[in-house]
Amino acid sequence: KAEERRHLNSADAIYEYMHPIMQDLDTEEAWILLLN
């Protein structure tokens, strides 16, 4: 089956997606999320 794309239509959804990536970083990182 085609992989289900993450639905990021709210700040809560975006935070839930990015928090595991950023929670333990000791320096700043910037990410861009590209959406359809």
All heavy atoms as atom14 arrays in JSON, in Angstrom:
{
  "sequence": "KAEERRHLNSADAIYEYMHPIMQDLDTEEAWILLLN",
  "atom14_mask": [
    [1, 1, 1, 1, 1, 1, 1, 1, 1, 0, 0, 0, 0, 0],
    [1, 1, 1, 1, 1, 0, 0, 0, 0, 0, 0, 0, 0, 0],
    [1, 1, 1, 1, 1, 1, 1, 1, 1, 0, 0, 0, 0, 0],
    [1, 1, 1, 1, 1, 1, 1, 1, 1, 0, 0, 0, 0, 0],
    [1, 1, 1, 1, 1, 1, 1, 1, 1, 1, 1, 0, 0, 0],
    [1, 1, 1, 1, 1, 1, 1, 1, 1, 1, 1, 0, 0, 0],
    [1, 1, 1, 1, 1, 1, 1, 1, 1, 1, 0, 0, 0, 0],
    [1, 1, 1, 1, 1, 1, 1, 1, 0, 0, 0, 0, 0, 0],
    [1, 1, 1, 1, 1, 1, 1, 1, 0, 0, 0, 0, 0, 0],
    [1, 1, 1, 1, 1, 1, 0, 0, 0, 0, 0, 0, 0, 0],
    [1, 1, 1, 1, 1, 0, 0, 0, 0, 0, 0, 0, 0, 0],
    [1, 1, 1, 1, 1, 1, 1, 1, 0, 0, 0, 0, 0, 0],
    [1, 1, 1, 1, 1, 0, 0, 0, 0, 0, 0, 0, 0, 0],
    [1, 1, 1, 1, 1, 1, 1, 1, 0, 0, 0, 0, 0, 0],
    [1, 1, 1, 1, 1, 1, 1, 1, 1, 1, 1, 1, 0, 0],
    [1, 1, 1, 1, 1, 1, 1, 1, 1, 0, 0, 0, 0, 0],
    [1, 1, 1, 1, 1, 1, 1, 1, 1, 1, 1, 1, 0, 0],
    [1, 1, 1, 1, 1, 1, 1, 1, 0, 0, 0, 0, 0, 0],
    [1, 1, 1, 1, 1, 1, 1, 1, 1, 1, 0, 0, 0, 0],
    [1, 1, 1, 1, 1, 1, 1, 0, 0, 0, 0, 0, 0, 0],
    [1, 1, 1, 1, 1, 1, 1, 1, 0, 0, 0, 0, 0, 0],
    [1, 1, 1, 1, 1, 1, 1, 1, 0, 0, 0, 0, 0, 0],
    [1, 1, 1, 1, 1, 1, 1, 1, 1, 0, 0, 0, 0, 0],
    [1, 1, 1, 1, 1, 1, 1, 1, 0, 0, 0, 0, 0, 0],
    [1, 1, 1, 1, 1, 1, 1, 1, 0, 0, 0, 0, 0, 0],
    [1, 1, 1, 1, 1, 1, 1, 1, 0, 0, 0, 0, 0, 0],
    [1, 1, 1, 1, 1, 1, 1, 0, 0, 0, 0, 0, 0, 0],
    [1, 1, 1, 1, 1, 1, 1, 1, 1, 0, 0, 0, 0, 0],
    [1, 1, 1, 1, 1, 1, 1, 1, 1, 0, 0, 0, 0, 0],
    [1, 1, 1, 1, 1, 0, 0, 0, 0, 0, 0, 0, 0, 0],
    [1, 1, 1, 1, 1, 1, 1, 1, 1, 1, 1, 1, 1, 1],
    [1, 1, 1, 1, 1, 1, 1, 1, 0, 0, 0, 0, 0, 0],
    [1, 1, 1, 1, 1, 1, 1, 1, 0, 0, 0, 0, 0, 0],
    [1, 1, 1, 1, 1, 1, 1, 1, 0, 0, 0, 0, 0, 0],
    [1, 1, 1, 1, 1, 1, 1, 1, 0, 0, 0, 0, 0, 0],
    [1, 1, 1, 1, 1, 1, 1, 1, 0, 0, 0, 0, 0, 0]
  ],
  "atom14_positions": [
    [[0.84, -1.19, 0.0], [0.0, 0.0, 0.0], [0.88, 1.24, 0.0], [1.98, 1.24, 0.53], [-0.9, 0.03, 1.25], [-1.97, -1.05, 1.26], [-2.82, -0.92, 2.52], [-3.9, -1.98, 2.55], [-4.72, -1.88, 3.78], [0.0, 0.0, 0.0], [0.0, 0.0, 0.0], [0.0, 0.0, 0.0], [0.0, 0.0, 0.0], [0.0, 0.0, 0.0]],
    [[0.35, 2.31, -0.6], [1.08, 3.57, -0.59], [1.21, 4.07, 0.85], [0.28, 3.94, 1.66], [0.36, 4.61, -1.43], [0.0, 0.0, 0.0], [0.0, 0.0, 0.0], [0.0, 0.0, 0.0], [0.0, 0.0, 0.0], [0.0, 0.0, 0.0], [0.0, 0.0, 0.0], [0.0, 0.0, 0.0], [0.0, 0.0, 0.0], [0.0, 0.0, 0.0]],
    [[2.37, 4.6, 1.18], [2.61, 5.11, 2.53], [1.7, 6.31, 2.8], [1.57, 7.21, 1.98], [4.07, 5.54, 2.67], [4.44, 5.99, 4.05], [5.89, 6.42, 4.15], [6.6, 6.34, 3.14], [6.29, 6.86, 5.24], [0.0, 0.0, 0.0], [0.0, 0.0, 0.0], [0.0, 0.0, 0.0], [0.0, 0.0, 0.0], [0.0, 0.0, 0.0]],
    [[1.05, 6.27, 3.94], [0.16, 7.37, 4.32], [0.99, 8.57, 4.75], [1.83, 8.49, 5.62], [-0.74, 6.93, 5.48], [-1.79, 7.96, 5.88], [-2.83, 8.22, 4.81], [-3.08, 7.33, 3.97], [-3.4, 9.34, 4.82], [0.0, 0.0, 0.0], [0.0, 0.0, 0.0], [0.0, 0.0, 0.0], [0.0, 0.0, 0.0], [0.0, 0.0, 0.0]],
    [[0.73, 9.69, 4.09], [1.47, 10.91, 4.42], [0.92, 11.54, 5.69], [-0.28, 11.56, 5.93], [1.39, 11.9, 3.26], [2.2, 11.49, 2.04], [2.08, 12.5, 0.93], [3.01, 12.2, -0.15], [3.05, 12.87, -1.3], [2.22, 13.87, -1.52], [3.93, 12.55, -2.23], [0.0, 0.0, 0.0], [0.0, 0.0, 0.0], [0.0, 0.0, 0.0]],
    [[1.83, 12.07, 6.5], [1.45, 12.69, 7.77], [0.63, 13.95, 7.51], [0.99, 14.78, 6.67], [2.74, 13.04, 8.53], [2.54, 13.39, 9.99], [2.33, 12.14, 10.82], [2.31, 12.46, 12.23], [3.32, 12.21, 13.06], [4.4, 11.61, 12.61], [3.23, 12.52, 14.33], [0.0, 0.0, 0.0], [0.0, 0.0, 0.0], [0.0, 0.0, 0.0]],
    [[-0.49, 14.07, 8.21], [-1.36, 15.23, 8.06], [-0.93, 16.3, 9.06], [-1.05, 16.11, 10.26], [-2.81, 14.79, 8.32], [-3.81, 15.72, 7.73], [-5.08, 15.89, 8.24], [-3.75, 16.55, 6.66], [-5.75, 16.77, 7.52], [-4.96, 17.18, 6.56], [0.0, 0.0, 0.0], [0.0, 0.0, 0.0], [0.0, 0.0, 0.0], [0.0, 0.0, 0.0]],
    [[-0.44, 17.43, 8.55], [0.1, 18.48, 9.42], [-0.67, 19.78, 9.21], [-0.13, 20.78, 8.74], [1.6, 18.68, 9.13], [2.48, 17.45, 9.3], [3.92, 17.76, 8.92], [2.42, 16.92, 10.73], [0.0, 0.0, 0.0], [0.0, 0.0, 0.0], [0.0, 0.0, 0.0], [0.0, 0.0, 0.0], [0.0, 0.0, 0.0], [0.0, 0.0, 0.0]],
    [[-1.92, 19.77, 9.59], [-2.77, 20.93, 9.34], [-2.97, 21.81, 10.56], [-3.77, 22.74, 10.54], [-4.14, 20.47, 8.81], [-4.9, 19.61, 9.83], [-4.29, 19.02, 10.71], [-6.21, 19.57, 9.7], [0.0, 0.0, 0.0], [0.0, 0.0, 0.0], [0.0, 0.0, 0.0], [0.0, 0.0, 0.0], [0.0, 0.0, 0.0], [0.0, 0.0, 0.0]],
    [[-2.25, 21.52, 11.65], [-2.39, 22.33, 12.86], [-1.04, 22.43, 13.56], [-0.15, 21.6, 13.35], [-3.42, 21.72, 13.8], [-2.95, 20.49, 14.33], [0.0, 0.0, 0.0], [0.0, 0.0, 0.0], [0.0, 0.0, 0.0], [0.0, 0.0, 0.0], [0.0, 0.0, 0.0], [0.0, 0.0, 0.0], [0.0, 0.0, 0.0], [0.0, 0.0, 0.0]],
    [[-0.92, 23.42, 14.43], [0.31, 23.6, 15.19], [0.57, 22.39, 16.1], [1.71, 21.95, 16.26], [0.24, 24.88, 16.02], [0.0, 0.0, 0.0], [0.0, 0.0, 0.0], [0.0, 0.0, 0.0], [0.0, 0.0, 0.0], [0.0, 0.0, 0.0], [0.0, 0.0, 0.0], [0.0, 0.0, 0.0], [0.0, 0.0, 0.0], [0.0, 0.0, 0.0]],
    [[-0.5, 21.83, 16.68], [-0.36, 20.64, 17.54], [0.23, 19.47, 16.75], [1.12, 18.76, 17.24], [-1.71, 20.23, 18.11], [-2.11, 21.07, 19.31], [-1.21, 21.68, 19.93], [-3.3, 21.12, 19.63], [0.0, 0.0, 0.0], [0.0, 0.0, 0.0], [0.0, 0.0, 0.0], [0.0, 0.0, 0.0], [0.0, 0.0, 0.0], [0.0, 0.0, 0.0]],
    [[-0.3, 19.25, 15.53], [0.17, 18.13, 14.7], [1.62, 18.33, 14.29], [2.42, 17.38, 14.27], [-0.72, 17.98, 13.47], [0.0, 0.0, 0.0], [0.0, 0.0, 0.0], [0.0, 0.0, 0.0], [0.0, 0.0, 0.0], [0.0, 0.0, 0.0], [0.0, 0.0, 0.0], [0.0, 0.0, 0.0], [0.0, 0.0, 0.0], [0.0, 0.0, 0.0]],
    [[1.98, 19.57, 13.97], [3.35, 19.88, 13.58], [4.29, 19.65, 14.76], [5.37, 19.07, 14.62], [3.45, 21.33, 13.06], [2.64, 21.5, 11.77], [4.91, 21.72, 12.81], [2.36, 22.95, 11.41], [0.0, 0.0, 0.0], [0.0, 0.0, 0.0], [0.0, 0.0, 0.0], [0.0, 0.0, 0.0], [0.0, 0.0, 0.0], [0.0, 0.0, 0.0]],
    [[3.87, 20.11, 15.94], [4.69, 19.93, 17.15], [4.9, 18.45, 17.46], [6.03, 18.02, 17.76], [4.02, 20.63, 18.33], [4.74, 20.41, 19.64], [5.93, 21.08, 19.92], [4.25, 19.5, 20.58], [6.6, 20.86, 21.11], [4.92, 19.28, 21.77], [6.09, 19.96, 22.02], [6.77, 19.73, 23.2], [0.0, 0.0, 0.0], [0.0, 0.0, 0.0]],
    [[3.85, 17.65, 17.36], [3.96, 16.22, 17.64], [4.93, 15.53, 16.68], [5.62, 14.59, 17.06], [2.58, 15.56, 17.55], [1.68, 15.87, 18.73], [0.3, 15.23, 18.6], [0.14, 14.36, 17.72], [-0.6, 15.61, 19.35], [0.0, 0.0, 0.0], [0.0, 0.0, 0.0], [0.0, 0.0, 0.0], [0.0, 0.0, 0.0], [0.0, 0.0, 0.0]],
    [[4.97, 16.03, 15.44], [5.87, 15.45, 14.45], [7.32, 15.86, 14.7], [8.24, 15.05, 14.61], [5.45, 15.88, 13.05], [6.38, 15.42, 11.96], [6.44, 14.08, 11.57], [7.23, 16.32, 11.31], [7.3, 13.65, 10.58], [8.09, 15.9, 10.31], [8.12, 14.56, 9.95], [9.0, 14.13, 8.97], [0.0, 0.0, 0.0], [0.0, 0.0, 0.0]],
    [[7.54, 17.14, 15.04], [8.89, 17.68, 15.16], [9.5, 17.53, 16.55], [10.73, 17.5, 16.68], [8.91, 19.16, 14.76], [8.69, 19.43, 13.28], [9.89, 18.6, 12.2], [11.45, 19.27, 12.78], [0.0, 0.0, 0.0], [0.0, 0.0, 0.0], [0.0, 0.0, 0.0], [0.0, 0.0, 0.0], [0.0, 0.0, 0.0], [0.0, 0.0, 0.0]],
    [[8.68, 17.41, 17.58], [9.22, 17.36, 18.95], [10.22, 16.22, 19.16], [11.29, 16.44, 19.73], [8.08, 17.29, 19.96], [8.55, 17.2, 21.37], [8.38, 16.08, 22.16], [9.24, 18.1, 22.15], [8.92, 16.29, 23.35], [9.44, 17.5, 23.38], [0.0, 0.0, 0.0], [0.0, 0.0, 0.0], [0.0, 0.0, 0.0], [0.0, 0.0, 0.0]],
    [[9.93, 14.99, 18.69], [10.93, 13.92, 18.89], [12.26, 14.2, 18.21], [13.31, 13.73, 18.67], [10.25, 12.69, 18.25], [8.8, 12.99, 18.28], [8.7, 14.47, 18.08], [0.0, 0.0, 0.0], [0.0, 0.0, 0.0], [0.0, 0.0, 0.0], [0.0, 0.0, 0.0], [0.0, 0.0, 0.0], [0.0, 0.0, 0.0], [0.0, 0.0, 0.0]],
    [[12.24, 14.96, 17.13], [13.47, 15.3, 16.41], [14.27, 16.35, 17.16], [15.5, 16.32, 17.18], [13.13, 15.81, 15.0], [12.43, 14.7, 14.19], [14.37, 16.31, 14.26], [11.86, 15.16, 12.86], [0.0, 0.0, 0.0], [0.0, 0.0, 0.0], [0.0, 0.0, 0.0], [0.0, 0.0, 0.0], [0.0, 0.0, 0.0], [0.0, 0.0, 0.0]],
    [[13.58, 17.27, 17.83], [14.23, 18.46, 18.38], [14.37, 18.46, 19.9], [15.11, 19.28, 20.44], [13.46, 19.72, 17.96], [13.51, 19.99, 16.46], [12.7, 21.55, 16.04], [13.62, 21.99, 14.56], [0.0, 0.0, 0.0], [0.0, 0.0, 0.0], [0.0, 0.0, 0.0], [0.0, 0.0, 0.0], [0.0, 0.0, 0.0], [0.0, 0.0, 0.0]],
    [[13.73, 17.55, 20.6], [13.63, 17.67, 22.05], [14.97, 17.61, 22.79], [15.14, 18.23, 23.84], [12.69, 16.6, 22.6], [13.16, 15.18, 22.38], [12.18, 14.16, 22.94], [11.34, 14.49, 23.77], [12.29, 12.92, 22.49], [0.0, 0.0, 0.0], [0.0, 0.0, 0.0], [0.0, 0.0, 0.0], [0.0, 0.0, 0.0], [0.0, 0.0, 0.0]],
    [[15.95, 16.88, 22.26], [17.21, 16.71, 22.97], [18.38, 17.5, 22.35], [19.53, 17.29, 22.74], [17.59, 15.22, 23.03], [16.59, 14.41, 23.84], [16.08, 14.94, 24.84], [16.31, 13.26, 23.45], [0.0, 0.0, 0.0], [0.0, 0.0, 0.0], [0.0, 0.0, 0.0], [0.0, 0.0, 0.0], [0.0, 0.0, 0.0], [0.0, 0.0, 0.0]],
    [[18.09, 18.37, 21.4], [19.16, 19.13, 20.74], [19.72, 20.19, 21.67], [18.97, 20.9, 22.36], [18.63, 19.79, 19.46], [18.14, 18.85, 18.35], [17.55, 19.67, 17.2], [19.3, 17.99, 17.84], [0.0, 0.0, 0.0], [0.0, 0.0, 0.0], [0.0, 0.0, 0.0], [0.0, 0.0, 0.0], [0.0, 0.0, 0.0], [0.0, 0.0, 0.0]],
    [[21.05, 20.32, 21.69], [21.66, 21.37, 22.52], [22.08, 22.58, 21.7], [22.65, 23.53, 22.23], [22.84, 20.81, 23.32], [23.89, 20.16, 22.42], [23.74, 20.24, 21.18], [24.85, 19.59, 22.96], [0.0, 0.0, 0.0], [0.0, 0.0, 0.0], [0.0, 0.0, 0.0], [0.0, 0.0, 0.0], [0.0, 0.0, 0.0], [0.0, 0.0, 0.0]],
    [[21.84, 22.53, 20.39], [22.05, 23.69, 19.52], [20.81, 23.87, 18.65], [19.99, 22.96, 18.51], [23.28, 23.51, 18.6], [23.1, 22.32, 17.81], [24.56, 23.41, 19.4], [0.0, 0.0, 0.0], [0.0, 0.0, 0.0], [0.0, 0.0, 0.0], [0.0, 0.0, 0.0], [0.0, 0.0, 0.0], [0.0, 0.0, 0.0], [0.0, 0.0, 0.0]],
    [[20.67, 25.04, 18.08], [19.49, 25.33, 17.26], [19.59, 24.65, 15.9], [20.65, 24.6, 15.28], [19.32, 26.84, 17.06], [18.66, 27.53, 18.23], [18.03, 28.87, 17.85], [17.82, 29.12, 16.64], [17.77, 29.68, 18.75], [0.0, 0.0, 0.0], [0.0, 0.0, 0.0], [0.0, 0.0, 0.0], [0.0, 0.0, 0.0], [0.0, 0.0, 0.0]],
    [[18.46, 24.14, 15.45], [18.31, 23.63, 14.1], [17.06, 24.24, 13.49], [16.06, 24.48, 14.19], [18.18, 22.11, 14.07], [19.47, 21.38, 14.34], [19.36, 19.88, 14.1], [18.27, 19.4, 13.72], [20.38, 19.19, 14.3], [0.0, 0.0, 0.0], [0.0, 0.0, 0.0], [0.0, 0.0, 0.0], [0.0, 0.0, 0.0], [0.0, 0.0, 0.0]],
    [[17.1, 24.46, 12.18], [15.93, 24.95, 11.46], [15.52, 23.89, 10.43], [16.36, 23.35, 9.73], [16.23, 26.27, 10.77], [0.0, 0.0, 0.0], [0.0, 0.0, 0.0], [0.0, 0.0, 0.0], [0.0, 0.0, 0.0], [0.0, 0.0, 0.0], [0.0, 0.0, 0.0], [0.0, 0.0, 0.0], [0.0, 0.0, 0.0], [0.0, 0.0, 0.0]],
    [[14.23, 23.6, 10.38], [13.68, 22.62, 9.45], [12.55, 23.25, 8.66], [11.83, 24.12, 9.17], [13.12, 21.42, 10.21], [14.16, 20.5, 10.8], [15.03, 20.79, 11.82], [14.44, 19.16, 10.41], [15.83, 19.71, 12.09], [15.48, 18.68, 11.25], [13.89, 18.3, 9.45], [16.0, 17.39, 11.14], [14.39, 17.0, 9.35], [15.44, 16.57, 10.18]],
    [[12.39, 22.8, 7.43], [11.26, 23.22, 6.62], [10.42, 21.98, 6.33], [10.96, 20.92, 6.0], [11.72, 23.92, 5.32], [10.54, 24.59, 4.63], [12.43, 22.98, 4.38], [10.07, 25.85, 5.29], [0.0, 0.0, 0.0], [0.0, 0.0, 0.0], [0.0, 0.0, 0.0], [0.0, 0.0, 0.0], [0.0, 0.0, 0.0], [0.0, 0.0, 0.0]],
    [[9.14, 22.1, 6.49], [8.2, 21.02, 6.16], [7.46, 21.43, 4.89], [6.84, 22.5, 4.85], [7.21, 20.79, 7.3], [7.81, 20.55, 8.69], [6.7, 20.32, 9.7], [8.77, 19.38, 8.67], [0.0, 0.0, 0.0], [0.0, 0.0, 0.0], [0.0, 0.0, 0.0], [0.0, 0.0, 0.0], [0.0, 0.0, 0.0], [0.0, 0.0, 0.0]],
    [[7.54, 20.6, 3.88], [6.89, 20.87, 2.6], [5.6, 20.06, 2.53], [5.6, 18.84, 2.71], [7.82, 20.48, 1.45], [9.22, 21.12, 1.5], [10.1, 20.58, 0.37], [9.12, 22.64, 1.42], [0.0, 0.0, 0.0], [0.0, 0.0, 0.0], [0.0, 0.0, 0.0], [0.0, 0.0, 0.0], [0.0, 0.0, 0.0], [0.0, 0.0, 0.0]],
    [[4.49, 20.73, 2.26], [3.18, 20.1, 2.31], [2.45, 20.22, 0.98], [2.71, 21.15, 0.2], [2.32, 20.75, 3.4], [2.96, 20.96, 4.77], [1.99, 21.69, 5.69], [3.37, 19.64, 5.4], [0.0, 0.0, 0.0], [0.0, 0.0, 0.0], [0.0, 0.0, 0.0], [0.0, 0.0, 0.0], [0.0, 0.0, 0.0], [0.0, 0.0, 0.0]],
    [[1.53, 19.29, 0.74], [0.69, 19.41, -0.45], [-0.54, 20.24, -0.13], [-0.67, 20.78, 0.97], [0.34, 18.02, -1.01], [-0.54, 17.2, -0.07], [-1.15, 17.73, 0.86], [-0.61, 15.91, -0.31], [0.0, 0.0, 0.0], [0.0, 0.0, 0.0], [0.0, 0.0, 0.0], [0.0, 0.0, 0.0], [0.0, 0.0, 0.0], [0.0, 0.0, 0.0]]
  ]
}
